[in-house]
Protein backbone atom coordinates (compact mmCIF):
# COMPACT_ATOMS: atom_id res chain seq x y z
CA MET A 1 63.78 3.58 22.90
CA GLU A 2 60.24 2.80 22.17
CA ALA A 3 59.41 1.63 18.72
CA TYR A 4 55.85 1.37 17.27
CA THR A 5 54.30 0.68 14.02
CA ILE A 6 51.36 3.00 13.30
CA LEU A 7 48.93 2.07 10.69
CA GLN A 8 45.77 4.22 9.57
CA SER A 9 42.77 2.41 8.16
CA ALA A 10 39.97 4.16 6.42
CA ARG A 11 38.13 0.83 6.09
CA PRO A 12 36.22 0.28 2.86
CA GLN A 13 33.74 -2.34 3.91
CA GLY A 14 33.64 -4.62 1.08
CA ILE A 15 36.04 -4.92 -1.79
CA GLY A 16 35.72 -8.62 -1.75
CA ARG A 17 33.83 -11.90 -2.51
CA SER A 18 30.80 -10.33 -3.99
CA GLY A 19 31.76 -6.68 -4.71
CA PRO A 20 31.64 -3.30 -2.88
CA ARG A 21 29.42 -3.40 0.25
CA GLY A 22 29.69 0.32 1.07
CA PHE A 23 32.26 2.49 2.59
CA SER A 24 33.08 3.23 6.21
CA THR A 25 33.81 7.11 6.89
CA SER A 26 35.42 6.47 10.30
CA LEU A 27 39.23 6.23 10.59
CA LEU A 28 40.70 3.54 12.60
CA TRP A 29 44.04 4.40 13.99
CA ARG A 30 45.91 1.43 15.50
CA VAL A 31 49.37 1.36 17.12
CA ILE A 32 50.86 -2.30 16.88
CA LYS A 33 53.57 -3.21 19.30
CA VAL A 34 56.87 -4.10 18.01
CA GLY A 35 58.90 -6.81 19.65
CA ASN A 36 57.74 -6.77 23.53
CA ILE A 37 56.27 -3.31 23.42
CA ARG A 38 52.52 -3.34 24.17
CA ARG A 39 50.03 -1.97 21.58
CA THR A 40 48.24 1.04 22.77
CA PRO A 41 45.43 1.74 19.98
CA ALA A 42 44.24 5.36 19.69
CA ARG A 43 41.10 5.14 17.51
CA SER A 44 37.85 6.76 16.64
CA SER A 45 35.84 3.50 16.94
CA PRO A 46 35.56 0.85 19.84
CA LEU A 47 38.33 -1.77 19.70
CA TYR A 48 35.73 -4.59 18.93
CA MET A 49 35.02 -2.82 15.67
CA TRP A 50 38.71 -2.75 14.76
CA VAL A 51 38.85 -6.51 15.42
CA ALA A 52 35.53 -7.10 13.38
CA SER A 53 36.95 -5.17 10.48
CA LEU A 54 40.17 -7.37 10.52
CA LEU A 55 38.16 -10.47 10.37
CA ARG A 56 35.72 -8.95 7.80
CA ASP A 57 38.82 -8.18 5.50
CA GLN A 58 40.05 -11.74 5.88
CA ILE A 59 36.55 -13.18 4.80
CA GLU A 60 35.88 -10.83 1.84
CA ALA A 61 39.68 -11.40 0.61
CA GLY A 62 38.76 -15.25 0.62
CA HIS A 63 41.44 -16.15 3.44
CA LEU A 64 38.53 -17.56 5.50
CA ASP A 65 36.49 -20.01 3.31
CA PRO A 66 32.66 -20.26 3.59
CA HIS A 67 31.76 -22.73 6.34
CA GLY A 68 35.35 -22.69 7.79
CA SER A 69 35.94 -22.15 11.39
CA VAL A 70 36.26 -18.55 12.72
CA PRO A 71 39.08 -18.09 15.35
CA SER A 72 37.81 -18.75 18.89
CA GLU A 73 37.42 -15.91 21.24
CA ARG A 74 40.60 -17.30 23.16
CA VAL A 75 42.62 -17.35 19.91
CA LEU A 76 41.34 -13.90 19.09
CA SER A 77 42.15 -12.51 22.49
CA GLU A 78 45.67 -13.70 22.34
CA ARG A 79 46.26 -12.75 18.82
CA TYR A 80 45.23 -9.03 19.15
CA ASP A 81 45.74 -8.70 22.94
CA ILE A 82 42.18 -8.09 23.97
CA SER A 83 39.75 -9.34 26.33
CA ARG A 84 37.43 -12.23 25.53
CA MET A 85 34.43 -9.95 25.96
CA THR A 86 35.86 -7.78 23.21
CA ALA A 87 36.65 -10.71 21.06
CA ARG A 88 33.13 -12.11 21.48
CA HIS A 89 31.58 -8.58 20.76
CA ALA A 90 33.58 -8.51 17.35
CA VAL A 91 32.25 -11.95 16.45
CA GLU A 92 28.61 -10.91 17.41
CA THR A 93 28.92 -7.84 15.13
CA LEU A 94 29.89 -10.04 12.12
CA MET A 95 26.98 -12.43 12.91
CA LEU A 96 24.53 -9.46 12.79
CA GLU A 97 26.16 -8.44 9.52
CA GLY A 98 25.64 -11.91 8.10
CA TYR A 99 29.30 -12.61 7.74
CA VAL A 100 29.45 -15.49 10.21
CA TYR A 101 26.94 -17.99 11.78
CA ARG A 102 27.06 -19.97 15.04
CA SER A 103 26.41 -23.61 15.27
CA PRO A 104 25.33 -24.95 18.69
CA ARG A 105 28.14 -27.19 20.45
CA ARG A 106 30.26 -26.82 17.14
CA GLY A 107 31.45 -23.20 16.91
CA THR A 108 31.41 -20.22 14.79
CA PHE A 109 31.74 -20.54 10.94
CA VAL A 110 32.11 -18.30 7.88
CA ALA A 111 28.85 -17.63 6.11
CA GLU A 112 28.27 -18.03 2.40
CA PRO A 113 28.55 -14.95 0.43
CA ARG A 114 25.31 -13.06 -0.11
CA LEU A 115 23.35 -13.87 -3.32
CA ARG A 116 23.20 -10.99 -5.64
CA PHE A 117 19.91 -9.69 -6.93
CA SER A 118 18.54 -6.94 -9.02
CA VAL A 119 14.92 -5.89 -9.74
CA GLY A 120 13.92 -8.61 -11.96
CA SER A 121 12.86 -12.36 -12.25
CA PHE A 122 13.79 -14.44 -9.38
CA THR A 123 13.67 -17.49 -11.44
CA ARG A 124 15.99 -16.14 -14.21
CA ILE A 125 18.44 -14.59 -11.79
CA MET A 126 18.97 -17.74 -9.80
CA SER A 127 19.00 -19.82 -12.79
CA GLU A 128 21.75 -17.76 -14.53
CA GLY A 129 23.91 -17.80 -11.29
CA ASP A 130 23.20 -21.71 -11.03
CA HIS A 131 21.59 -21.54 -7.82
CA MET A 132 18.52 -23.83 -8.58
CA PRO A 133 15.51 -21.69 -7.89
CA GLY A 134 12.65 -23.21 -5.92
CA THR A 135 9.03 -22.05 -4.95
CA GLU A 136 6.54 -22.93 -2.36
CA VAL A 137 3.07 -21.61 -2.66
CA LEU A 138 2.04 -20.42 0.81
CA ALA A 139 -1.42 -19.10 -0.20
CA ALA A 140 -3.43 -18.42 -3.19
CA SER A 141 -6.86 -16.72 -3.12
CA THR A 142 -9.23 -14.20 -4.66
CA LEU A 143 -10.19 -11.18 -2.71
CA ASP A 144 -12.02 -7.84 -2.81
CA PRO A 145 -9.37 -5.28 -3.49
CA ASP A 146 -8.70 -2.22 -1.19
CA PRO A 147 -9.36 1.16 -3.09
CA LEU A 148 -5.45 1.81 -3.82
CA ILE A 149 -4.90 -1.59 -5.39
CA SER A 150 -8.22 -1.27 -7.30
CA LYS A 151 -7.17 1.97 -8.84
CA MET A 152 -3.43 1.07 -9.59
CA LEU A 153 -4.64 -2.21 -11.41
CA ASP A 154 -7.50 -0.54 -13.10
CA ILE A 155 -10.03 -2.97 -11.66
CA PRO A 156 -13.73 -2.10 -12.42
CA ALA A 157 -16.38 -1.67 -9.75
CA GLY A 158 -17.07 -5.00 -8.19
CA GLY A 159 -13.96 -6.52 -9.70
CA ARG A 160 -11.51 -8.76 -7.57
CA VAL A 161 -7.80 -9.42 -7.30
CA HIS A 162 -5.68 -12.52 -6.95
CA LEU A 163 -3.38 -12.69 -3.95
CA LEU A 164 -0.42 -14.93 -4.24
CA GLN A 165 2.05 -15.62 -1.46
CA ARG A 166 5.16 -17.66 -2.26
CA LEU A 167 8.26 -18.63 -0.46
CA ARG A 168 11.25 -18.25 -2.87
CA MET A 169 14.21 -20.62 -2.33
CA ALA A 170 17.79 -21.32 -3.77
CA LYS A 171 19.00 -24.78 -3.52
CA GLY A 172 16.43 -25.40 -0.89
CA GLU A 173 17.37 -22.38 1.28
CA PRO A 174 14.43 -19.98 2.02
CA LEU A 175 15.41 -16.45 0.70
CA ALA A 176 12.29 -14.46 0.30
CA ILE A 177 8.54 -14.17 0.88
CA GLU A 178 6.51 -12.72 -2.20
CA ASN A 179 3.15 -11.06 -1.78
CA ILE A 180 1.67 -10.38 -5.13
CA HIS A 181 -1.61 -8.73 -6.33
CA VAL A 182 -2.74 -9.09 -9.99
CA SER A 183 -6.17 -8.36 -11.54
CA ALA A 184 -8.67 -11.25 -11.39
CA GLU A 185 -10.54 -9.61 -14.15
CA ARG A 186 -7.48 -9.68 -16.52
CA PHE A 187 -6.34 -13.09 -15.54
CA PRO A 188 -9.45 -14.95 -14.38
CA ASP A 189 -8.05 -18.44 -14.27
CA LEU A 190 -4.48 -17.77 -13.20
CA LEU A 191 -4.65 -19.73 -9.74
CA GLU A 192 -5.48 -22.79 -11.82
CA TYR A 193 -2.02 -22.95 -13.24
CA ASP A 194 1.17 -24.08 -11.65
CA LEU A 195 2.37 -21.24 -9.72
CA THR A 196 5.62 -22.65 -8.63
CA GLY A 197 7.63 -21.24 -11.71
CA SER A 198 8.13 -17.86 -13.21
CA LEU A 199 4.92 -15.84 -12.78
CA TRP A 200 6.02 -13.35 -15.66
CA GLU A 201 6.65 -16.34 -17.94
CA LEU A 202 3.22 -17.55 -17.24
CA LEU A 203 1.80 -14.23 -17.98
CA ARG A 204 3.64 -14.29 -21.22
CA SER A 205 2.63 -17.64 -22.48
CA ARG A 206 -0.91 -17.91 -21.32
CA TYR A 207 -2.12 -14.25 -21.58
CA ASP A 208 0.27 -12.80 -24.08
CA VAL A 209 1.10 -9.98 -21.35
CA HIS A 210 4.75 -9.04 -21.39
CA PRO A 211 6.26 -7.58 -18.30
CA MET A 212 8.79 -4.88 -19.53
CA LYS A 213 9.54 -2.60 -16.61
CA ALA A 214 9.41 -2.42 -12.76
CA GLU A 215 9.54 0.33 -10.48
CA ALA A 216 10.74 -0.48 -6.88
CA ARG A 217 11.31 0.91 -3.50
CA VAL A 218 13.80 -0.77 -1.24
CA VAL A 219 13.61 -0.54 2.65
CA ALA A 220 15.53 -2.09 5.46
CA VAL A 221 13.37 -3.66 8.07
CA THR A 222 13.44 -6.42 10.76
CA LEU A 223 11.45 -9.57 10.38
CA ASP A 224 8.41 -10.23 12.59
CA ARG A 225 7.67 -13.61 14.12
CA PHE A 226 5.53 -14.87 11.28
CA GLU A 227 8.06 -13.93 8.45
CA ALA A 228 11.08 -15.10 10.50
CA GLU A 229 9.58 -18.63 10.89
CA ILE A 230 8.96 -18.91 7.35
CA LEU A 231 12.31 -17.73 6.43
CA GLY A 232 13.98 -19.93 9.07
CA VAL A 233 15.56 -17.19 11.09
CA LYS A 234 15.16 -15.39 14.43
CA PRO A 235 12.42 -12.84 14.77
CA GLY A 236 14.09 -9.31 14.62
CA SER A 237 16.70 -10.54 12.01
CA PRO A 238 17.45 -7.84 9.27
CA ALA A 239 15.54 -8.09 6.01
CA ILE A 240 15.13 -6.18 2.79
CA VAL A 241 11.62 -5.15 1.71
CA LEU A 242 11.33 -4.55 -2.14
CA THR A 243 7.79 -3.02 -3.22
CA ARG A 244 7.56 -3.54 -6.91
CA THR A 245 5.11 -1.99 -9.62
CA VAL A 246 5.48 -4.08 -12.78
CA PHE A 247 4.45 -2.43 -16.20
CA SER A 248 3.59 -4.31 -19.38
CA ALA A 249 4.97 -3.40 -22.71
CA GLU A 250 1.74 -1.18 -23.24
CA GLU A 251 2.70 0.74 -19.92
CA GLU A 252 -0.10 -0.83 -17.91
CA ILE A 253 0.36 -1.98 -14.40
CA VAL A 254 0.09 -5.76 -14.31
CA GLU A 255 1.36 -6.69 -10.85
CA LEU A 256 1.83 -5.04 -7.45
CA ALA A 257 4.11 -6.93 -5.10
CA ARG A 258 5.93 -6.65 -1.75
CA ASP A 259 8.93 -8.98 -1.46
CA VAL A 260 10.66 -9.75 1.85
CA TYR A 261 14.27 -10.93 1.57
CA ARG A 262 16.59 -12.08 4.20
CA GLY A 263 19.09 -9.48 4.83
CA ASP A 264 21.82 -11.98 5.77
CA ARG A 265 21.80 -13.81 2.60
CA THR A 266 20.87 -11.42 -0.02
CA GLU A 267 22.03 -7.85 -1.41
CA PHE A 268 20.59 -5.75 -4.18
CA TYR A 269 22.64 -4.10 -7.05
CA VAL A 270 21.65 -1.05 -9.10
CA THR A 271 23.13 0.47 -12.16
CA ALA A 272 21.84 3.79 -13.27
CA PRO A 273 23.26 6.73 -15.34
CA VAL A 274 24.53 9.70 -13.53
CA GLU A 275 22.11 12.61 -13.96
CA GLY A 276 23.28 16.16 -14.69
CA ILE A 277 26.97 15.34 -15.73
CA ALA A 278 27.86 16.01 -19.35
CA VAL A 279 30.41 13.46 -20.55
CA SER A 280 32.88 14.71 -22.95
CA VAL A 281 35.23 12.50 -25.01
CA PRO A 282 38.62 14.18 -25.60
CA ARG A 283 39.46 14.38 -29.28
CA ARG A 284 42.72 12.58 -30.30
CA ALA A 285 45.53 14.94 -31.43
CA ASP A 286 46.37 14.67 -35.20
CA ARG A 287 49.62 12.73 -35.94
């Protein structure tokens, strides 16, 4: 009599090392062989995705340590009774997702967990996480603004803007490229100061301007050759673009920025109230 164990997995991608990563809506049905009976999976996703999900779960659960070896294609093919091509496709899927990386002539290894960010000070966030923030100034210049930037920063006719481009790092690893515009009329000698630290702290200490709020738009993109070279990855690699508008305590716009973050090393978290839902607290019964 044939005997099979049937497992259904609605795989939540990401209860693990650094919190939820989103949830997959596809169901993976898999029939695992018992004894010498061959497994014949019936599933709604390709087999390589199933294998990738198993490895992803092991990484997120901490069973595979950062920089530890990932099982070879031969081991995966034997363990899960799949072809080496399927095993290779599974590993490549995890590489694209940033879970593993390949070292020439050495093998494939588990990547470091992504660094967690919110819309705030890069220096503060990295310092609080004990990640040793670093900055390299790529360019600093004073330019004539385009009409939109001029209007948003309230620059008078004939006024100019400072453009600051910086590479932000954690423990020496490139993570993001910042492109920042501020009013040269409001901060005339800004470029004369040390620009490798927190720009917001500089605005507070030197100009008594206190950034209090930021509105941001987040978009997923791929890196062009210039950005990829600066960040030390391949062109076409995934990235997160954060477009920020920073307001002072007086509700004036003090900074416009476009930040490009590596998609394989960073992730953004947002906490927000749920609108339109009335919360009622049940009254305790008298005793």
